[in-house]
Amino acid sequence: MVVGGVVLGLMLPMSRPSAPPAGAPGAPGAPGAKVSAPPPALPAASSPATPPPIASLGGTILQRGPSGHFQAAAQVNAVAVDFVVDTGADTVALTQADAMRANVAFDPAQFTVIGQGASGPVRGQLVTIGSIILDGKEAVNVEGVVLESGAQSLLGHSYLRHVASVEIAGDTMRLR
């Protein structure tokens, strides 16, 4: 399922027209291309507060955190939400707690299987998120899911496709 990428997303740079063509050196899936699956999300209580992004003339710069993930604090419907930026996830995935705080309408009685994860079926509900803003980069009416279980919200492609580019070099991610 499309939403299955939320749970099993790979930390890959987002493909854009300026990316190398398939099969070219450095292209996803090409020999020598780096592909790594992120470790499971840490419980919210064990992750430190997400540092703010660094705004520069070259875009928004995020540093890889101690967990190995790129984390970002964004505004969801004007409420601060800490995300793991997941370039392999098809959509934005919110925890129930984050969705409630951000006034994203969902009904736990309507949770259904929306994908397949390493541990089996993933349950949640498809939603539309009114607004997500990260360092001034706003997307409106963003497709997303509210997950039945999960300790960390994920910022996936349904938001990232609204920025011009996503680049990862070493421990730095740049959103333009």
N, C-alpha and C. Protein backbone atom coordinates (compact mmCIF):
# COMPACT_ATOMS: atom_id res chain seq x y z
N MET A 1 0.83 -1.20 0.00
CA MET A 1 0.00 0.00 0.00
C MET A 1 0.87 1.25 0.00
N VAL A 2 0.32 2.29 -0.54
CA VAL A 2 1.04 3.55 -0.65
C VAL A 2 1.48 4.05 0.72
N VAL A 3 0.61 3.95 1.70
CA VAL A 3 0.90 4.51 3.02
C VAL A 3 1.92 3.66 3.77
N GLY A 4 2.18 2.46 3.30
CA GLY A 4 3.17 1.60 3.94
C GLY A 4 4.53 2.26 4.02
N GLY A 5 4.82 3.16 3.11
CA GLY A 5 6.09 3.88 3.14
C GLY A 5 6.26 4.74 4.37
N VAL A 6 5.15 5.10 5.01
CA VAL A 6 5.21 5.90 6.24
C VAL A 6 6.00 5.16 7.30
N VAL A 7 5.74 3.87 7.41
CA VAL A 7 6.36 3.10 8.47
C VAL A 7 7.73 2.59 8.07
N LEU A 8 7.90 2.23 6.81
CA LEU A 8 9.15 1.62 6.36
C LEU A 8 9.99 2.56 5.52
N GLY A 9 9.75 3.88 5.62
CA GLY A 9 10.45 4.84 4.78
C GLY A 9 11.96 4.72 4.87
N LEU A 10 12.61 4.91 3.76
CA LEU A 10 14.06 4.88 3.71
C LEU A 10 14.58 6.30 3.70
N MET A 11 15.72 6.52 4.30
CA MET A 11 16.33 7.84 4.34
C MET A 11 17.07 8.08 3.02
N LEU A 12 16.34 8.45 1.96
CA LEU A 12 16.90 8.72 0.64
C LEU A 12 16.61 10.15 0.24
N PRO A 13 17.51 10.78 -0.51
CA PRO A 13 17.18 12.11 -1.02
C PRO A 13 15.97 12.03 -1.93
N MET A 14 15.15 13.07 -1.89
CA MET A 14 13.95 13.10 -2.71
C MET A 14 14.36 13.31 -4.16
N SER A 15 13.78 12.55 -5.05
CA SER A 15 14.11 12.63 -6.48
C SER A 15 13.42 13.85 -7.08
N ARG A 16 14.15 14.62 -7.83
CA ARG A 16 13.65 15.83 -8.50
C ARG A 16 14.14 15.78 -9.95
N PRO A 17 13.58 16.60 -10.83
CA PRO A 17 14.04 16.63 -12.21
C PRO A 17 15.55 16.86 -12.32
N SER A 18 16.19 17.56 -11.39
CA SER A 18 17.61 17.82 -11.45
C SER A 18 18.43 16.65 -10.93
N ALA A 19 17.78 15.60 -10.42
CA ALA A 19 18.49 14.44 -9.90
C ALA A 19 19.06 13.65 -11.07
N PRO A 20 20.14 12.85 -10.82
CA PRO A 20 20.70 12.04 -11.89
C PRO A 20 19.65 11.06 -12.42
N PRO A 21 19.67 10.77 -13.71
CA PRO A 21 18.71 9.81 -14.26
C PRO A 21 18.94 8.43 -13.67
N ALA A 22 17.89 7.62 -13.70
CA ALA A 22 17.97 6.27 -13.15
C ALA A 22 19.13 5.54 -13.80
N GLY A 23 19.90 4.84 -12.97
CA GLY A 23 21.04 4.08 -13.44
C GLY A 23 22.33 4.88 -13.50
N ALA A 24 22.25 6.21 -13.41
CA ALA A 24 23.45 7.03 -13.42
C ALA A 24 24.13 6.94 -12.07
N PRO A 25 25.46 7.14 -12.01
CA PRO A 25 26.14 7.09 -10.71
C PRO A 25 25.52 8.09 -9.74
N GLY A 26 25.26 7.65 -8.54
CA GLY A 26 24.66 8.50 -7.52
C GLY A 26 23.15 8.48 -7.52
N ALA A 27 22.53 7.91 -8.57
CA ALA A 27 21.07 7.84 -8.62
C ALA A 27 20.59 6.74 -7.69
N PRO A 28 19.41 6.91 -7.07
CA PRO A 28 18.88 5.85 -6.21
C PRO A 28 18.80 4.54 -6.98
N GLY A 29 19.29 3.49 -6.37
CA GLY A 29 19.26 2.18 -6.98
C GLY A 29 20.47 1.89 -7.85
N ALA A 30 21.31 2.91 -8.13
CA ALA A 30 22.50 2.71 -8.95
C ALA A 30 23.58 2.05 -8.10
N PRO A 31 24.52 1.37 -8.73
CA PRO A 31 25.62 0.79 -7.95
C PRO A 31 26.32 1.87 -7.15
N GLY A 32 26.56 1.60 -5.91
CA GLY A 32 27.23 2.56 -5.03
C GLY A 32 26.29 3.52 -4.34
N ALA A 33 25.00 3.56 -4.72
CA ALA A 33 24.06 4.46 -4.06
C ALA A 33 23.83 3.96 -2.65
N LYS A 34 23.79 4.86 -1.71
CA LYS A 34 23.59 4.48 -0.31
C LYS A 34 22.12 4.42 0.01
N VAL A 35 21.69 3.31 0.56
CA VAL A 35 20.31 3.12 0.98
C VAL A 35 20.36 2.55 2.38
N SER A 36 19.70 3.21 3.31
CA SER A 36 19.67 2.67 4.66
C SER A 36 18.30 2.90 5.26
N ALA A 37 17.82 1.90 5.95
CA ALA A 37 16.52 2.02 6.62
C ALA A 37 16.73 2.68 7.96
N PRO A 38 15.83 3.58 8.37
CA PRO A 38 15.98 4.23 9.66
C PRO A 38 15.65 3.25 10.78
N PRO A 39 16.29 3.43 11.94
CA PRO A 39 15.91 2.59 13.07
C PRO A 39 14.51 2.96 13.53
N PRO A 40 13.88 2.09 14.32
CA PRO A 40 12.53 2.41 14.81
C PRO A 40 12.51 3.73 15.55
N ALA A 41 11.38 4.42 15.47
CA ALA A 41 11.24 5.72 16.14
C ALA A 41 11.42 5.56 17.64
N LEU A 42 12.08 6.53 18.24
CA LEU A 42 12.28 6.51 19.68
C LEU A 42 11.01 6.98 20.38
N PRO A 43 10.75 6.49 21.57
CA PRO A 43 9.61 7.02 22.32
C PRO A 43 9.81 8.51 22.54
N ALA A 44 8.72 9.25 22.52
CA ALA A 44 8.78 10.70 22.64
C ALA A 44 9.53 11.14 23.89
N ALA A 45 9.39 10.42 24.99
CA ALA A 45 10.00 10.81 26.24
C ALA A 45 11.52 10.76 26.17
N SER A 46 12.11 9.91 25.29
CA SER A 46 13.54 9.76 25.27
C SER A 46 14.22 10.66 24.25
N SER A 47 13.47 11.38 23.41
CA SER A 47 14.10 12.23 22.43
C SER A 47 14.14 13.67 22.95
N PRO A 48 15.32 14.33 22.78
CA PRO A 48 15.44 15.70 23.26
C PRO A 48 14.58 16.62 22.40
N ALA A 49 14.36 17.83 22.90
CA ALA A 49 13.58 18.80 22.13
C ALA A 49 14.25 19.01 20.78
N THR A 50 13.46 19.14 19.75
CA THR A 50 14.00 19.32 18.40
C THR A 50 14.58 20.71 18.27
N PRO A 51 15.86 20.80 17.84
CA PRO A 51 16.44 22.12 17.66
C PRO A 51 15.79 22.82 16.47
N PRO A 52 15.75 24.14 16.51
CA PRO A 52 15.15 24.86 15.38
C PRO A 52 16.00 24.70 14.14
N PRO A 53 15.37 24.76 12.95
CA PRO A 53 16.16 24.70 11.72
C PRO A 53 17.00 25.96 11.60
N ILE A 54 18.06 25.87 10.83
CA ILE A 54 18.93 27.01 10.58
C ILE A 54 18.53 27.59 9.22
N ALA A 55 18.04 28.82 9.21
CA ALA A 55 17.68 29.46 7.95
C ALA A 55 18.93 30.09 7.37
N SER A 56 19.14 29.89 6.09
CA SER A 56 20.27 30.51 5.42
C SER A 56 19.84 30.89 4.01
N LEU A 57 20.71 31.62 3.31
CA LEU A 57 20.40 31.98 1.94
C LEU A 57 20.25 30.74 1.08
N GLY A 58 20.86 29.64 1.50
CA GLY A 58 20.80 28.40 0.75
C GLY A 58 19.61 27.53 1.14
N GLY A 59 18.70 28.02 1.96
CA GLY A 59 17.54 27.24 2.37
C GLY A 59 17.54 26.94 3.85
N THR A 60 16.73 25.99 4.23
CA THR A 60 16.63 25.56 5.62
C THR A 60 17.59 24.39 5.83
N ILE A 61 18.42 24.48 6.84
CA ILE A 61 19.40 23.44 7.11
C ILE A 61 19.03 22.71 8.39
N LEU A 62 18.93 21.38 8.29
CA LEU A 62 18.66 20.53 9.45
C LEU A 62 19.88 19.65 9.68
N GLN A 63 20.27 19.49 10.93
CA GLN A 63 21.39 18.63 11.28
C GLN A 63 20.88 17.27 11.75
N ARG A 64 21.60 16.20 11.39
CA ARG A 64 21.24 14.86 11.83
C ARG A 64 21.39 14.81 13.35
N GLY A 65 20.39 14.28 14.02
CA GLY A 65 20.41 14.20 15.47
C GLY A 65 21.14 12.96 15.96
N PRO A 66 21.29 12.84 17.27
CA PRO A 66 21.99 11.69 17.86
C PRO A 66 21.33 10.35 17.51
N SER A 67 20.04 10.37 17.22
CA SER A 67 19.34 9.13 16.86
C SER A 67 19.65 8.70 15.43
N GLY A 68 20.33 9.57 14.66
CA GLY A 68 20.61 9.28 13.26
C GLY A 68 19.58 9.85 12.31
N HIS A 69 18.53 10.45 12.86
CA HIS A 69 17.44 11.02 12.05
C HIS A 69 17.59 12.52 11.94
N PHE A 70 16.97 13.06 10.89
CA PHE A 70 16.83 14.51 10.77
C PHE A 70 15.51 14.87 11.43
N GLN A 71 15.55 15.76 12.40
CA GLN A 71 14.34 16.16 13.11
C GLN A 71 14.05 17.62 12.81
N ALA A 72 12.77 17.96 12.81
CA ALA A 72 12.36 19.33 12.52
C ALA A 72 11.13 19.67 13.33
N ALA A 73 11.10 20.88 13.84
CA ALA A 73 9.91 21.40 14.52
C ALA A 73 9.14 22.22 13.48
N ALA A 74 7.89 21.86 13.26
CA ALA A 74 7.05 22.56 12.28
C ALA A 74 5.75 22.97 12.96
N GLN A 75 5.02 23.84 12.31
CA GLN A 75 3.70 24.26 12.79
C GLN A 75 2.64 23.48 12.01
N VAL A 76 1.80 22.76 12.70
CA VAL A 76 0.68 22.05 12.09
C VAL A 76 -0.57 22.77 12.58
N ASN A 77 -1.27 23.40 11.66
CA ASN A 77 -2.44 24.19 12.04
C ASN A 77 -2.09 25.14 13.19
N ALA A 78 -0.91 25.78 13.10
CA ALA A 78 -0.41 26.77 14.06
C ALA A 78 -0.02 26.18 15.41
N VAL A 79 0.18 24.87 15.50
CA VAL A 79 0.61 24.20 16.74
C VAL A 79 1.96 23.54 16.47
N ALA A 80 2.93 23.74 17.37
CA ALA A 80 4.26 23.16 17.20
C ALA A 80 4.21 21.63 17.31
N VAL A 81 4.81 20.96 16.31
CA VAL A 81 4.90 19.50 16.30
C VAL A 81 6.33 19.13 15.93
N ASP A 82 6.93 18.21 16.69
CA ASP A 82 8.25 17.69 16.37
C ASP A 82 8.11 16.51 15.43
N PHE A 83 8.87 16.55 14.32
CA PHE A 83 8.82 15.51 13.30
C PHE A 83 10.18 14.88 13.11
N VAL A 84 10.19 13.63 12.67
CA VAL A 84 11.34 13.04 12.01
C VAL A 84 11.07 13.25 10.53
N VAL A 85 12.04 13.86 9.82
CA VAL A 85 11.88 14.08 8.39
C VAL A 85 12.20 12.75 7.70
N ASP A 86 11.21 12.20 7.03
CA ASP A 86 11.33 10.87 6.44
C ASP A 86 11.16 10.98 4.93
N THR A 87 12.28 11.08 4.21
CA THR A 87 12.23 11.27 2.77
C THR A 87 11.73 10.03 2.03
N GLY A 88 11.61 8.91 2.72
CA GLY A 88 11.09 7.70 2.12
C GLY A 88 9.62 7.47 2.38
N ALA A 89 9.02 8.31 3.21
CA ALA A 89 7.60 8.17 3.53
C ALA A 89 6.75 8.89 2.49
N ASP A 90 5.71 8.25 2.04
CA ASP A 90 4.82 8.85 1.04
C ASP A 90 4.04 10.02 1.58
N THR A 91 3.73 10.00 2.85
CA THR A 91 2.81 10.99 3.40
C THR A 91 3.26 11.42 4.79
N VAL A 92 2.67 12.47 5.27
CA VAL A 92 2.88 12.93 6.64
C VAL A 92 2.09 11.99 7.55
N ALA A 93 2.71 11.54 8.62
CA ALA A 93 2.04 10.68 9.59
C ALA A 93 2.10 11.35 10.95
N LEU A 94 0.95 11.52 11.57
CA LEU A 94 0.87 12.15 12.89
C LEU A 94 0.52 11.11 13.94
N THR A 95 1.12 11.28 15.12
CA THR A 95 0.68 10.48 16.26
C THR A 95 -0.70 10.99 16.64
N GLN A 96 -1.44 10.19 17.38
CA GLN A 96 -2.76 10.64 17.83
C GLN A 96 -2.62 11.89 18.71
N ALA A 97 -1.62 11.91 19.58
CA ALA A 97 -1.44 13.06 20.48
C ALA A 97 -1.17 14.34 19.69
N ASP A 98 -0.28 14.26 18.68
CA ASP A 98 0.02 15.44 17.88
C ASP A 98 -1.20 15.87 17.07
N ALA A 99 -1.94 14.91 16.52
CA ALA A 99 -3.14 15.25 15.75
C ALA A 99 -4.18 15.95 16.63
N MET A 100 -4.36 15.46 17.85
CA MET A 100 -5.33 16.09 18.76
C MET A 100 -4.91 17.52 19.10
N ARG A 101 -3.61 17.71 19.43
CA ARG A 101 -3.13 19.04 19.79
C ARG A 101 -3.27 20.02 18.61
N ALA A 102 -3.10 19.52 17.39
CA ALA A 102 -3.16 20.37 16.20
C ALA A 102 -4.56 20.46 15.59
N ASN A 103 -5.55 19.92 16.30
CA ASN A 103 -6.94 19.99 15.83
C ASN A 103 -7.14 19.37 14.44
N VAL A 104 -6.48 18.24 14.20
CA VAL A 104 -6.70 17.47 12.97
C VAL A 104 -7.81 16.48 13.28
N ALA A 105 -8.90 16.57 12.55
CA ALA A 105 -10.07 15.73 12.82
C ALA A 105 -9.80 14.28 12.43
N PHE A 106 -10.02 13.37 13.39
CA PHE A 106 -9.94 11.94 13.13
C PHE A 106 -10.80 11.23 14.16
N ASP A 107 -11.14 9.98 13.87
CA ASP A 107 -11.98 9.19 14.75
C ASP A 107 -11.33 7.82 14.93
N PRO A 108 -10.81 7.51 16.12
CA PRO A 108 -10.16 6.21 16.34
C PRO A 108 -11.07 5.03 16.00
N ALA A 109 -12.38 5.21 16.08
CA ALA A 109 -13.30 4.13 15.71
C ALA A 109 -13.25 3.85 14.20
N GLN A 110 -12.69 4.78 13.44
CA GLN A 110 -12.60 4.63 11.98
C GLN A 110 -11.23 4.14 11.51
N PHE A 111 -10.33 3.79 12.45
CA PHE A 111 -9.02 3.29 12.05
C PHE A 111 -9.18 1.99 11.28
N THR A 112 -8.44 1.89 10.18
CA THR A 112 -8.43 0.68 9.36
C THR A 112 -6.97 0.36 9.03
N VAL A 113 -6.74 -0.75 8.41
CA VAL A 113 -5.39 -1.09 7.96
C VAL A 113 -5.07 -0.18 6.78
N ILE A 114 -3.98 0.61 6.90
CA ILE A 114 -3.61 1.56 5.86
C ILE A 114 -2.27 1.21 5.23
N GLY A 115 -1.60 0.19 5.76
CA GLY A 115 -0.30 -0.18 5.22
C GLY A 115 0.23 -1.41 5.92
N GLN A 116 1.42 -1.82 5.48
CA GLN A 116 2.08 -2.98 6.05
C GLN A 116 3.45 -2.54 6.54
N GLY A 117 3.75 -2.82 7.79
CA GLY A 117 5.05 -2.48 8.36
C GLY A 117 5.82 -3.74 8.70
N ALA A 118 7.03 -3.57 9.19
CA ALA A 118 7.87 -4.70 9.55
C ALA A 118 7.21 -5.58 10.61
N SER A 119 6.40 -4.97 11.46
CA SER A 119 5.74 -5.71 12.54
C SER A 119 4.34 -6.19 12.17
N GLY A 120 3.93 -5.95 10.94
CA GLY A 120 2.59 -6.38 10.52
C GLY A 120 1.76 -5.22 10.04
N PRO A 121 0.43 -5.39 10.04
CA PRO A 121 -0.46 -4.34 9.54
C PRO A 121 -0.34 -3.04 10.34
N VAL A 122 -0.41 -1.92 9.61
CA VAL A 122 -0.38 -0.59 10.22
C VAL A 122 -1.78 -0.04 10.14
N ARG A 123 -2.29 0.41 11.29
CA ARG A 123 -3.65 0.94 11.34
C ARG A 123 -3.63 2.44 11.56
N GLY A 124 -4.59 3.10 10.96
CA GLY A 124 -4.72 4.54 11.10
C GLY A 124 -5.88 5.04 10.30
N GLN A 125 -5.90 6.35 10.10
CA GLN A 125 -6.98 6.97 9.32
C GLN A 125 -6.38 8.03 8.41
N LEU A 126 -6.81 8.04 7.16
CA LEU A 126 -6.40 9.07 6.21
C LEU A 126 -7.05 10.39 6.62
N VAL A 127 -6.28 11.49 6.55
CA VAL A 127 -6.79 12.81 6.93
C VAL A 127 -6.25 13.85 5.96
N THR A 128 -6.82 15.04 6.02
CA THR A 128 -6.28 16.21 5.35
C THR A 128 -5.86 17.19 6.42
N ILE A 129 -4.61 17.62 6.36
CA ILE A 129 -4.05 18.55 7.34
C ILE A 129 -4.13 19.95 6.74
N GLY A 130 -4.76 20.86 7.45
CA GLY A 130 -4.99 22.21 6.92
C GLY A 130 -3.74 22.94 6.52
N SER A 131 -2.70 22.93 7.37
CA SER A 131 -1.49 23.70 7.08
C SER A 131 -0.30 23.11 7.83
N ILE A 132 0.82 23.02 7.13
CA ILE A 132 2.10 22.66 7.76
C ILE A 132 3.11 23.70 7.31
N ILE A 133 3.78 24.32 8.28
CA ILE A 133 4.79 25.34 7.99
C ILE A 133 6.09 24.93 8.67
N LEU A 134 7.16 24.85 7.88
CA LEU A 134 8.50 24.61 8.40
C LEU A 134 9.39 25.73 7.90
N ASP A 135 9.87 26.55 8.81
CA ASP A 135 10.78 27.64 8.48
C ASP A 135 10.24 28.50 7.33
N GLY A 136 8.94 28.82 7.39
CA GLY A 136 8.32 29.68 6.39
C GLY A 136 7.85 28.95 5.15
N LYS A 137 8.17 27.68 5.01
CA LYS A 137 7.76 26.90 3.84
C LYS A 137 6.42 26.24 4.16
N GLU A 138 5.33 26.81 3.59
CA GLU A 138 3.98 26.36 3.94
C GLU A 138 3.38 25.48 2.85
N ALA A 139 2.69 24.45 3.32
CA ALA A 139 1.87 23.61 2.44
C ALA A 139 0.48 23.56 3.06
N VAL A 140 -0.54 23.68 2.23
CA VAL A 140 -1.92 23.65 2.72
C VAL A 140 -2.64 22.43 2.17
N ASN A 141 -3.65 21.99 2.92
CA ASN A 141 -4.45 20.82 2.54
C ASN A 141 -3.55 19.63 2.21
N VAL A 142 -2.72 19.27 3.17
CA VAL A 142 -1.72 18.22 3.01
C VAL A 142 -2.34 16.87 3.34
N GLU A 143 -2.15 15.90 2.44
CA GLU A 143 -2.60 14.53 2.71
C GLU A 143 -1.77 13.97 3.86
N GLY A 144 -2.41 13.23 4.74
CA GLY A 144 -1.69 12.64 5.85
C GLY A 144 -2.45 11.47 6.42
N VAL A 145 -1.88 10.90 7.46
CA VAL A 145 -2.52 9.83 8.21
C VAL A 145 -2.32 10.11 9.69
N VAL A 146 -3.28 9.65 10.48
CA VAL A 146 -3.12 9.62 11.93
C VAL A 146 -2.95 8.14 12.25
N LEU A 147 -1.84 7.81 12.90
CA LEU A 147 -1.53 6.42 13.20
C LEU A 147 -2.14 5.98 14.52
N GLU A 148 -2.62 4.75 14.55
CA GLU A 148 -3.18 4.19 15.77
C GLU A 148 -2.11 4.08 16.86
N SER A 149 -0.92 3.69 16.47
CA SER A 149 0.18 3.62 17.43
C SER A 149 1.40 4.27 16.81
N GLY A 150 2.31 4.65 17.62
CA GLY A 150 3.52 5.32 17.14
C GLY A 150 3.86 6.45 18.08
N ALA A 151 5.15 6.63 18.30
CA ALA A 151 5.61 7.62 19.25
C ALA A 151 6.12 8.89 18.60
N GLN A 152 6.27 8.89 17.26
CA GLN A 152 6.88 10.03 16.58
C GLN A 152 6.13 10.35 15.30
N SER A 153 5.83 11.62 15.09
CA SER A 153 5.23 12.05 13.83
C SER A 153 6.31 12.10 12.76
N LEU A 154 5.93 11.79 11.51
CA LEU A 154 6.86 11.75 10.39
C LEU A 154 6.47 12.79 9.35
N LEU A 155 7.46 13.51 8.85
CA LEU A 155 7.24 14.51 7.81
C LEU A 155 7.66 13.88 6.48
N GLY A 156 6.68 13.43 5.72
CA GLY A 156 6.94 12.70 4.47
C GLY A 156 6.69 13.54 3.24
N HIS A 157 6.63 12.85 2.10
CA HIS A 157 6.54 13.51 0.80
C HIS A 157 5.29 14.35 0.59
N SER A 158 4.20 14.06 1.24
CA SER A 158 3.01 14.89 1.00
C SER A 158 3.27 16.33 1.45
N TYR A 159 4.26 16.55 2.34
CA TYR A 159 4.73 17.90 2.65
C TYR A 159 5.96 18.24 1.80
N LEU A 160 6.94 17.34 1.76
CA LEU A 160 8.22 17.64 1.12
C LEU A 160 8.09 17.99 -0.36
N ARG A 161 7.06 17.49 -1.04
CA ARG A 161 6.90 17.82 -2.46
C ARG A 161 6.58 19.31 -2.65
N HIS A 162 6.27 20.02 -1.58
CA HIS A 162 5.96 21.45 -1.67
C HIS A 162 7.21 22.33 -1.57
N VAL A 163 8.35 21.74 -1.26
CA VAL A 163 9.59 22.51 -1.25
C VAL A 163 10.31 22.23 -2.58
N ALA A 164 11.17 23.15 -2.99
CA ALA A 164 11.82 23.02 -4.30
C ALA A 164 12.78 21.84 -4.36
N SER A 165 13.54 21.60 -3.29
CA SER A 165 14.47 20.48 -3.30
C SER A 165 14.80 20.05 -1.88
N VAL A 166 15.18 18.79 -1.77
CA VAL A 166 15.65 18.20 -0.52
C VAL A 166 16.99 17.58 -0.84
N GLU A 167 18.04 18.02 -0.15
CA GLU A 167 19.38 17.51 -0.39
C GLU A 167 19.96 17.01 0.92
N ILE A 168 20.61 15.84 0.87
CA ILE A 168 21.28 15.30 2.06
C ILE A 168 22.74 15.12 1.70
N ALA A 169 23.60 15.70 2.53
CA ALA A 169 25.04 15.54 2.39
C ALA A 169 25.60 15.32 3.78
N GLY A 170 26.09 14.11 4.02
CA GLY A 170 26.63 13.79 5.34
C GLY A 170 25.56 13.93 6.39
N ASP A 171 25.82 14.77 7.39
CA ASP A 171 24.89 14.96 8.50
C ASP A 171 24.03 16.21 8.35
N THR A 172 23.90 16.70 7.11
CA THR A 172 23.15 17.92 6.86
C THR A 172 22.06 17.66 5.81
N MET A 173 20.85 18.13 6.10
CA MET A 173 19.77 18.11 5.12
C MET A 173 19.41 19.57 4.83
N ARG A 174 19.28 19.88 3.54
CA ARG A 174 18.94 21.25 3.13
C ARG A 174 17.62 21.21 2.37
N LEU A 175 16.67 22.01 2.83
CA LEU A 175 15.38 22.17 2.14
C LEU A 175 15.39 23.55 1.49
N ARG A 176 15.12 23.60 0.21
CA ARG A 176 15.10 24.90 -0.50
C ARG A 176 13.71 25.19 -0.98
